[in-house]
Protein backbone atom coordinates (compact mmCIF):
# COMPACT_ATOMS: atom_id res chain seq x y z
CA UNK A 1 0.00 0.00 0.00
CA UNK A 2 1.39 3.44 -0.91
CA UNK A 3 2.44 5.77 1.86
CA UNK A 4 0.98 9.26 2.08
CA UNK A 5 3.22 11.82 0.42
CA UNK A 6 3.46 15.58 0.38
CA UNK A 7 5.52 18.41 -1.00
CA UNK A 8 7.56 20.91 0.99
CA UNK A 9 7.08 24.59 0.20
CA UNK A 10 10.29 24.48 -1.84
CA UNK A 11 8.99 21.53 -3.86
CA UNK A 12 5.65 23.28 -4.46
CA UNK A 13 7.45 26.41 -5.68
CA UNK A 14 9.74 24.36 -7.93
CA UNK A 15 6.81 22.46 -9.43
CA UNK A 16 5.07 25.74 -10.26
CA UNK A 17 8.28 27.16 -11.77
CA UNK A 18 8.78 24.01 -13.86
CA UNK A 19 5.19 24.13 -15.10
CA UNK A 20 5.44 27.85 -15.96
CA UNK A 21 8.75 27.46 -17.78
CA UNK A 22 7.54 24.41 -19.70
CA UNK A 23 4.30 26.21 -20.61
CA UNK A 24 6.16 29.27 -21.90
CA UNK A 25 8.75 27.19 -23.76
CA UNK A 26 6.77 24.24 -25.09
CA UNK A 27 3.10 25.12 -24.63
CA UNK A 28 0.28 24.12 -22.32
CA UNK A 29 -0.07 20.50 -23.44
CA UNK A 30 3.59 19.73 -22.81
CA UNK A 31 3.50 21.57 -19.48
CA UNK A 32 0.52 19.49 -18.33
CA UNK A 33 2.14 16.26 -19.54
CA UNK A 34 5.44 17.00 -17.79
CA UNK A 35 3.71 17.99 -14.56
CA UNK A 36 1.76 14.71 -14.73
CA UNK A 37 5.07 12.84 -15.19
CA UNK A 38 6.56 14.52 -12.11
CA UNK A 39 3.48 13.75 -10.01
CA UNK A 40 3.48 10.14 -11.26
CA UNK A 41 7.07 9.73 -10.05
CA UNK A 42 6.03 11.12 -6.65
CA UNK A 43 3.23 8.55 -6.48
CA UNK A 44 5.63 5.80 -7.55
CA UNK A 45 8.05 6.83 -4.80
CA UNK A 46 5.23 6.63 -2.26
CA UNK A 47 4.20 3.23 -3.61
CA UNK A 48 7.77 1.96 -3.38
CA UNK A 49 7.96 1.24 -7.12
CA UNK A 50 10.21 4.11 -8.25
CA UNK A 51 13.87 3.47 -8.92
CA UNK A 52 15.69 5.70 -6.47
CA UNK A 53 19.20 6.17 -5.18
CA UNK A 54 20.93 7.55 -2.13
CA UNK A 55 22.11 11.13 -2.77
CA UNK A 56 25.24 10.52 -0.68
CA UNK A 57 26.42 7.67 -2.85
CA UNK A 58 25.96 9.48 -6.14
CA UNK A 59 26.35 13.18 -5.39
CA UNK A 60 28.02 13.96 -2.05
CA UNK A 61 28.99 11.60 0.79
CA UNK A 62 28.38 14.36 3.35
CA UNK A 63 24.64 14.61 2.65
CA UNK A 64 22.13 13.16 5.14
CA UNK A 65 21.73 9.42 4.69
CA UNK A 66 17.94 9.59 4.34
CA UNK A 67 18.05 11.96 1.34
CA UNK A 68 17.22 10.10 -1.89
CA UNK A 69 16.39 10.94 -5.48
CA UNK A 70 14.46 9.49 -8.39
CA UNK A 71 14.65 10.71 -11.99
CA UNK A 72 11.66 12.30 -13.73
CA UNK A 73 12.49 13.55 -17.20
CA UNK A 74 15.18 16.18 -16.85
CA UNK A 75 14.62 16.54 -13.10
CA UNK A 76 15.62 14.81 -9.92
CA UNK A 77 12.82 14.32 -7.40
CA UNK A 78 14.55 14.75 -4.05
CA UNK A 79 12.81 13.07 -1.13
CA UNK A 80 13.04 11.59 2.33
CA UNK A 81 11.00 8.67 3.55
CA UNK A 82 10.17 7.40 6.99
CA UNK A 83 7.90 4.63 8.21
CA UNK A 84 4.77 6.74 7.82
CA UNK A 85 5.22 9.07 4.84
CA UNK A 86 7.26 10.35 1.93
CA UNK A 87 8.26 13.99 1.83
CA UNK A 88 9.16 15.43 -1.55
CA UNK A 89 11.85 17.94 -0.63
CA UNK A 90 12.39 19.53 -4.06
CA UNK A 91 12.59 19.04 -7.82
CA UNK A 92 16.05 19.88 -9.18
CA UNK A 93 17.01 20.10 -12.83
CA UNK A 94 19.75 17.72 -13.94
CA UNK A 95 21.84 20.62 -15.23
CA UNK A 96 21.80 22.50 -11.94
CA UNK A 97 24.73 22.46 -9.53
CA UNK A 98 23.38 19.45 -7.64
CA UNK A 99 25.95 19.34 -4.80
CA UNK A 100 25.41 23.03 -4.02
CA UNK A 101 21.61 22.84 -4.32
CA UNK A 102 21.41 19.71 -2.16
CA UNK A 103 23.69 21.23 0.47
CA UNK A 104 21.38 24.27 0.57
CA UNK A 105 18.38 22.00 1.08
CA UNK A 106 19.96 20.26 4.04
CA UNK A 107 21.59 23.19 5.82
CA UNK A 108 19.53 23.72 7.90
CA UNK A 109 17.17 20.78 7.50
CA UNK A 110 14.69 21.25 4.68
CA UNK A 111 11.27 22.68 5.36
CA UNK A 112 9.54 19.37 5.97
CA UNK A 113 6.36 20.72 7.56
CA UNK A 114 3.86 23.13 6.16
């Protein structure tokens, strides 16, 4: 059974920015399709069916051990998971400075409650 999942404020803002940029660049149909893809990956993460990896192993060994990512198109869906829920921390573009952006998310701890 899938766990409940939610977005942090940062993830909500990023999702809106991604949708706006995609709409302006590729049009409304592509923006809706890409947003659906991102949300589908979030649901897959919550269901335990998404392929995900530990951010420490791939990006920076100094990151918190519970910080993981899954790919969705050109973006990384950054999340943490505990026994009760999945928290989508942010959506980061693959071309961004991932070590710097992830360090900013974890120092101090990401906004996990809203």
